[in-house]
Amino acid sequence: MKISLKTLLRIGCTMAPTILAGSAALAASTEADFRQAYAAADAAEKQAGLLRNQWIVTEAALAEASRAAGKGDFDQAIAAAREAEALAKASIFQATSEKAAWKNLEIRP
């Protein structure tokens, strides 16, 4: 089946508004994705704070996420927020595992 150039142009012209609307929705969802990623990272960092085991690098990653979002670079902001969440979860794991692990290091008579 052969499609003429005129038909391709007609399809392209009718699809352009749909494509543009989709890209605008994608940009809005990117900011929403950032807010969700940042909230998860912030909640994990607060939990680490309750265990008294917050890491400086986690705070730096959260600050980087905020700066990137302020500049409108939501891809970088989401990446930094996810890194901060991973770091906070690692600090939580460290706090909870060391809470029990130190007993194995104690010298017993």
N, C-alpha and C. Protein backbone atom coordinates (compact mmCIF):
# COMPACT_ATOMS: atom_id res chain seq x y z
N MET A 1 0.84 -1.18 0.00
CA MET A 1 0.00 0.00 0.00
C MET A 1 0.89 1.24 0.00
N LYS A 2 0.59 2.12 -0.92
CA LYS A 2 1.38 3.34 -1.07
C LYS A 2 0.57 4.52 -0.55
N ILE A 3 1.21 5.35 0.32
CA ILE A 3 0.54 6.53 0.88
C ILE A 3 1.17 7.76 0.26
N SER A 4 0.32 8.66 -0.19
CA SER A 4 0.81 9.87 -0.84
C SER A 4 1.32 10.87 0.19
N LEU A 5 2.15 11.76 -0.27
CA LEU A 5 2.68 12.82 0.57
C LEU A 5 1.56 13.70 1.11
N LYS A 6 0.56 13.94 0.29
CA LYS A 6 -0.58 14.76 0.70
C LYS A 6 -1.31 14.12 1.87
N THR A 7 -1.47 12.80 1.83
CA THR A 7 -2.14 12.08 2.93
C THR A 7 -1.30 12.15 4.20
N LEU A 8 0.00 11.98 4.08
CA LEU A 8 0.88 12.07 5.25
C LEU A 8 0.83 13.45 5.88
N LEU A 9 0.83 14.48 5.06
CA LEU A 9 0.74 15.85 5.59
C LEU A 9 -0.60 16.09 6.29
N ARG A 10 -1.67 15.55 5.72
CA ARG A 10 -2.99 15.71 6.33
C ARG A 10 -3.02 15.02 7.70
N ILE A 11 -2.45 13.82 7.78
CA ILE A 11 -2.40 13.10 9.07
C ILE A 11 -1.55 13.86 10.07
N GLY A 12 -0.40 14.37 9.58
CA GLY A 12 0.48 15.12 10.48
C GLY A 12 -0.18 16.38 11.01
N CYS A 13 -0.92 17.09 10.18
CA CYS A 13 -1.59 18.32 10.61
C CYS A 13 -2.71 18.04 11.60
N THR A 14 -3.40 16.93 11.42
CA THR A 14 -4.49 16.62 12.35
C THR A 14 -3.97 16.07 13.66
N MET A 15 -2.78 15.47 13.68
CA MET A 15 -2.22 14.89 14.89
C MET A 15 -1.41 15.90 15.71
N ALA A 16 -0.97 16.98 15.10
CA ALA A 16 -0.11 17.94 15.79
C ALA A 16 -0.74 18.48 17.07
N PRO A 17 -2.00 18.91 17.09
CA PRO A 17 -2.56 19.40 18.35
C PRO A 17 -2.60 18.33 19.44
N THR A 18 -2.85 17.10 19.05
CA THR A 18 -2.88 16.01 20.03
C THR A 18 -1.49 15.78 20.61
N ILE A 19 -0.48 15.80 19.77
CA ILE A 19 0.89 15.60 20.22
C ILE A 19 1.31 16.74 21.14
N LEU A 20 1.00 17.96 20.77
CA LEU A 20 1.36 19.11 21.59
C LEU A 20 0.63 19.09 22.93
N ALA A 21 -0.60 18.71 22.94
CA ALA A 21 -1.35 18.61 24.20
C ALA A 21 -0.75 17.54 25.08
N GLY A 22 -0.33 16.45 24.48
CA GLY A 22 0.29 15.37 25.24
C GLY A 22 1.60 15.80 25.87
N SER A 23 2.39 16.60 25.14
CA SER A 23 3.67 17.05 25.71
C SER A 23 3.44 18.06 26.83
N ALA A 24 2.40 18.85 26.77
CA ALA A 24 2.09 19.77 27.86
C ALA A 24 1.67 18.99 29.10
N ALA A 25 0.90 17.93 28.90
CA ALA A 25 0.50 17.10 30.04
C ALA A 25 1.70 16.39 30.63
N LEU A 26 2.65 16.00 29.79
CA LEU A 26 3.86 15.34 30.26
C LEU A 26 4.66 16.28 31.14
N ALA A 27 4.77 17.55 30.76
CA ALA A 27 5.51 18.52 31.57
C ALA A 27 4.84 18.71 32.92
N ALA A 28 3.51 18.75 32.95
CA ALA A 28 2.80 18.91 34.22
C ALA A 28 2.99 17.68 35.09
N SER A 29 2.98 16.49 34.50
CA SER A 29 3.16 15.28 35.29
C SER A 29 4.58 15.17 35.79
N THR A 30 5.54 15.77 35.10
CA THR A 30 6.92 15.74 35.55
C THR A 30 7.06 16.50 36.86
N GLU A 31 6.40 17.64 36.97
CA GLU A 31 6.46 18.38 38.23
C GLU A 31 5.76 17.60 39.33
N ALA A 32 4.66 16.97 39.00
CA ALA A 32 3.95 16.15 39.99
C ALA A 32 4.81 14.96 40.41
N ASP A 33 5.53 14.37 39.45
CA ASP A 33 6.44 13.27 39.79
C ASP A 33 7.54 13.75 40.72
N PHE A 34 8.05 14.96 40.48
CA PHE A 34 9.06 15.52 41.37
C PHE A 34 8.52 15.68 42.77
N ARG A 35 7.33 16.24 42.88
CA ARG A 35 6.75 16.46 44.21
C ARG A 35 6.57 15.13 44.95
N GLN A 36 6.16 14.11 44.23
CA GLN A 36 5.98 12.79 44.83
C GLN A 36 7.33 12.20 45.27
N ALA A 37 8.33 12.31 44.41
CA ALA A 37 9.66 11.78 44.73
C ALA A 37 10.27 12.54 45.90
N TYR A 38 10.09 13.86 45.92
CA TYR A 38 10.64 14.67 47.01
C TYR A 38 9.94 14.35 48.34
N ALA A 39 8.63 14.16 48.29
CA ALA A 39 7.89 13.83 49.51
C ALA A 39 8.35 12.49 50.08
N ALA A 40 8.58 11.52 49.21
CA ALA A 40 9.06 10.21 49.68
C ALA A 40 10.45 10.33 50.30
N ALA A 41 11.31 11.11 49.67
CA ALA A 41 12.67 11.30 50.20
C ALA A 41 12.63 12.04 51.53
N ASP A 42 11.79 13.05 51.62
CA ASP A 42 11.68 13.82 52.85
C ASP A 42 11.13 12.98 53.99
N ALA A 43 10.15 12.13 53.69
CA ALA A 43 9.59 11.25 54.73
C ALA A 43 10.64 10.26 55.22
N ALA A 44 11.43 9.71 54.30
CA ALA A 44 12.48 8.77 54.71
C ALA A 44 13.55 9.48 55.54
N GLU A 45 13.87 10.71 55.17
CA GLU A 45 14.86 11.48 55.92
C GLU A 45 14.35 11.80 57.32
N LYS A 46 13.07 12.10 57.44
CA LYS A 46 12.50 12.35 58.77
C LYS A 46 12.52 11.09 59.63
N GLN A 47 12.28 9.94 59.01
CA GLN A 47 12.34 8.68 59.75
C GLN A 47 13.77 8.41 60.21
N ALA A 48 14.75 8.72 59.36
CA ALA A 48 16.15 8.58 59.75
C ALA A 48 16.46 9.52 60.91
N GLY A 49 15.87 10.70 60.90
CA GLY A 49 16.07 11.65 61.99
C GLY A 49 15.52 11.13 63.31
N LEU A 50 14.39 10.44 63.25
CA LEU A 50 13.83 9.85 64.47
C LEU A 50 14.75 8.78 65.05
N LEU A 51 15.51 8.13 64.16
CA LEU A 51 16.48 7.12 64.61
C LEU A 51 17.83 7.74 64.96
N ARG A 52 17.91 9.06 64.81
CA ARG A 52 19.12 9.83 65.11
C ARG A 52 20.29 9.39 64.24
N ASN A 53 19.99 9.19 62.96
CA ASN A 53 21.03 8.74 62.03
C ASN A 53 20.86 9.39 60.66
N GLN A 54 20.81 10.71 60.63
CA GLN A 54 20.72 11.42 59.36
C GLN A 54 22.12 11.61 58.80
N TRP A 55 22.23 11.47 57.48
CA TRP A 55 23.51 11.65 56.80
C TRP A 55 23.54 13.01 56.11
N ILE A 56 24.71 13.63 56.11
CA ILE A 56 24.89 14.93 55.47
C ILE A 56 24.65 14.83 53.96
N VAL A 57 25.07 13.74 53.35
CA VAL A 57 24.90 13.60 51.90
C VAL A 57 23.42 13.53 51.50
N THR A 58 22.59 13.04 52.41
CA THR A 58 21.15 13.01 52.13
C THR A 58 20.60 14.42 52.09
N GLU A 59 21.01 15.22 53.04
CA GLU A 59 20.58 16.63 53.06
C GLU A 59 21.06 17.36 51.81
N ALA A 60 22.28 17.06 51.39
CA ALA A 60 22.83 17.69 50.17
C ALA A 60 22.02 17.28 48.94
N ALA A 61 21.63 16.01 48.87
CA ALA A 61 20.84 15.55 47.73
C ALA A 61 19.45 16.20 47.72
N LEU A 62 18.86 16.37 48.90
CA LEU A 62 17.56 17.06 48.98
C LEU A 62 17.69 18.52 48.54
N ALA A 63 18.77 19.16 48.96
CA ALA A 63 19.00 20.55 48.56
C ALA A 63 19.22 20.65 47.05
N GLU A 64 19.95 19.69 46.49
CA GLU A 64 20.17 19.67 45.04
C GLU A 64 18.85 19.48 44.29
N ALA A 65 17.98 18.63 44.83
CA ALA A 65 16.67 18.41 44.21
C ALA A 65 15.85 19.70 44.22
N SER A 66 15.88 20.40 45.32
CA SER A 66 15.14 21.67 45.41
C SER A 66 15.68 22.71 44.43
N ARG A 67 17.01 22.79 44.35
CA ARG A 67 17.62 23.75 43.42
C ARG A 67 17.25 23.43 41.98
N ALA A 68 17.33 22.16 41.61
CA ALA A 68 17.02 21.77 40.23
C ALA A 68 15.55 22.04 39.91
N ALA A 69 14.67 21.77 40.87
CA ALA A 69 13.24 22.04 40.65
C ALA A 69 13.00 23.53 40.51
N GLY A 70 13.70 24.33 41.29
CA GLY A 70 13.57 25.78 41.18
C GLY A 70 13.98 26.31 39.81
N LYS A 71 14.92 25.62 39.17
CA LYS A 71 15.36 26.01 37.83
C LYS A 71 14.47 25.41 36.74
N GLY A 72 13.54 24.53 37.16
CA GLY A 72 12.65 23.91 36.18
C GLY A 72 13.22 22.63 35.57
N ASP A 73 14.36 22.16 36.05
CA ASP A 73 14.96 20.92 35.56
C ASP A 73 14.43 19.75 36.38
N PHE A 74 13.20 19.32 36.04
CA PHE A 74 12.54 18.30 36.86
C PHE A 74 13.15 16.92 36.70
N ASP A 75 13.79 16.64 35.57
CA ASP A 75 14.47 15.35 35.43
C ASP A 75 15.60 15.24 36.45
N GLN A 76 16.42 16.27 36.56
CA GLN A 76 17.52 16.29 37.52
C GLN A 76 16.97 16.32 38.95
N ALA A 77 15.90 17.06 39.16
CA ALA A 77 15.32 17.16 40.49
C ALA A 77 14.79 15.81 40.96
N ILE A 78 14.14 15.08 40.06
CA ILE A 78 13.62 13.76 40.42
C ILE A 78 14.77 12.80 40.70
N ALA A 79 15.82 12.86 39.89
CA ALA A 79 16.98 11.99 40.11
C ALA A 79 17.62 12.27 41.47
N ALA A 80 17.76 13.53 41.82
CA ALA A 80 18.36 13.90 43.11
C ALA A 80 17.45 13.49 44.27
N ALA A 81 16.15 13.65 44.10
CA ALA A 81 15.21 13.25 45.15
C ALA A 81 15.24 11.74 45.36
N ARG A 82 15.32 10.99 44.28
CA ARG A 82 15.40 9.52 44.40
C ARG A 82 16.71 9.09 45.05
N GLU A 83 17.78 9.81 44.73
CA GLU A 83 19.07 9.52 45.38
C GLU A 83 18.98 9.81 46.87
N ALA A 84 18.34 10.93 47.22
CA ALA A 84 18.18 11.28 48.63
C ALA A 84 17.34 10.22 49.35
N GLU A 85 16.30 9.74 48.70
CA GLU A 85 15.48 8.70 49.33
C GLU A 85 16.29 7.43 49.56
N ALA A 86 17.09 7.04 48.57
CA ALA A 86 17.93 5.84 48.71
C ALA A 86 18.94 6.02 49.84
N LEU A 87 19.53 7.19 49.94
CA LEU A 87 20.48 7.46 51.01
C LEU A 87 19.79 7.43 52.38
N ALA A 88 18.61 8.01 52.46
CA ALA A 88 17.88 8.02 53.73
C ALA A 88 17.51 6.59 54.14
N LYS A 89 17.07 5.79 53.17
CA LYS A 89 16.74 4.40 53.49
C LYS A 89 17.98 3.62 53.91
N ALA A 90 19.13 3.93 53.32
CA ALA A 90 20.37 3.28 53.72
C ALA A 90 20.74 3.67 55.15
N SER A 91 20.52 4.93 55.50
CA SER A 91 20.83 5.34 56.87
C SER A 91 19.86 4.71 57.87
N ILE A 92 18.62 4.50 57.46
CA ILE A 92 17.66 3.80 58.31
C ILE A 92 18.09 2.35 58.51
N PHE A 93 18.50 1.72 57.41
CA PHE A 93 18.99 0.34 57.50
C PHE A 93 20.20 0.25 58.42
N GLN A 94 21.11 1.20 58.28
CA GLN A 94 22.30 1.21 59.12
C GLN A 94 21.92 1.34 60.60
N ALA A 95 21.03 2.24 60.89
CA ALA A 95 20.63 2.46 62.29
C ALA A 95 19.96 1.23 62.88
N THR A 96 19.07 0.62 62.12
CA THR A 96 18.34 -0.53 62.66
C THR A 96 19.22 -1.77 62.74
N SER A 97 20.11 -1.98 61.78
CA SER A 97 20.97 -3.16 61.82
C SER A 97 22.04 -3.04 62.90
N GLU A 98 22.57 -1.85 63.09
CA GLU A 98 23.59 -1.67 64.13
C GLU A 98 22.99 -1.69 65.53
N LYS A 99 21.73 -1.42 65.62
CA LYS A 99 21.07 -1.45 66.92
C LYS A 99 21.14 -2.87 67.51
N ALA A 100 21.07 -3.87 66.66
CA ALA A 100 21.13 -5.26 67.12
C ALA A 100 22.53 -5.85 66.94
N ALA A 101 23.27 -5.40 65.95
CA ALA A 101 24.56 -6.01 65.62
C ALA A 101 25.63 -5.77 66.69
N TRP A 102 25.56 -4.69 67.42
CA TRP A 102 26.60 -4.41 68.40
C TRP A 102 26.64 -5.48 69.48
N LYS A 103 25.54 -6.14 69.73
CA LYS A 103 25.49 -7.17 70.76
C LYS A 103 26.39 -8.35 70.40
N ASN A 104 26.55 -8.60 69.12
CA ASN A 104 27.43 -9.69 68.68
C ASN A 104 28.90 -9.35 68.86
N LEU A 105 29.23 -8.07 69.01
CA LEU A 105 30.61 -7.64 69.19
C LEU A 105 31.00 -7.56 70.67
N GLU A 106 30.06 -7.66 71.53
CA GLU A 106 30.32 -7.52 72.97
C GLU A 106 31.06 -8.76 73.47
N ILE A 107 32.09 -8.53 74.25
CA ILE A 107 32.85 -9.63 74.84
C ILE A 107 32.05 -10.19 76.01
N ARG A 108 31.85 -11.48 75.97
CA ARG A 108 31.03 -12.11 77.01
C ARG A 108 31.92 -13.10 77.79
N PRO A 109 31.70 -13.19 79.10
CA PRO A 109 32.52 -14.11 79.91
C PRO A 109 32.14 -15.57 79.68
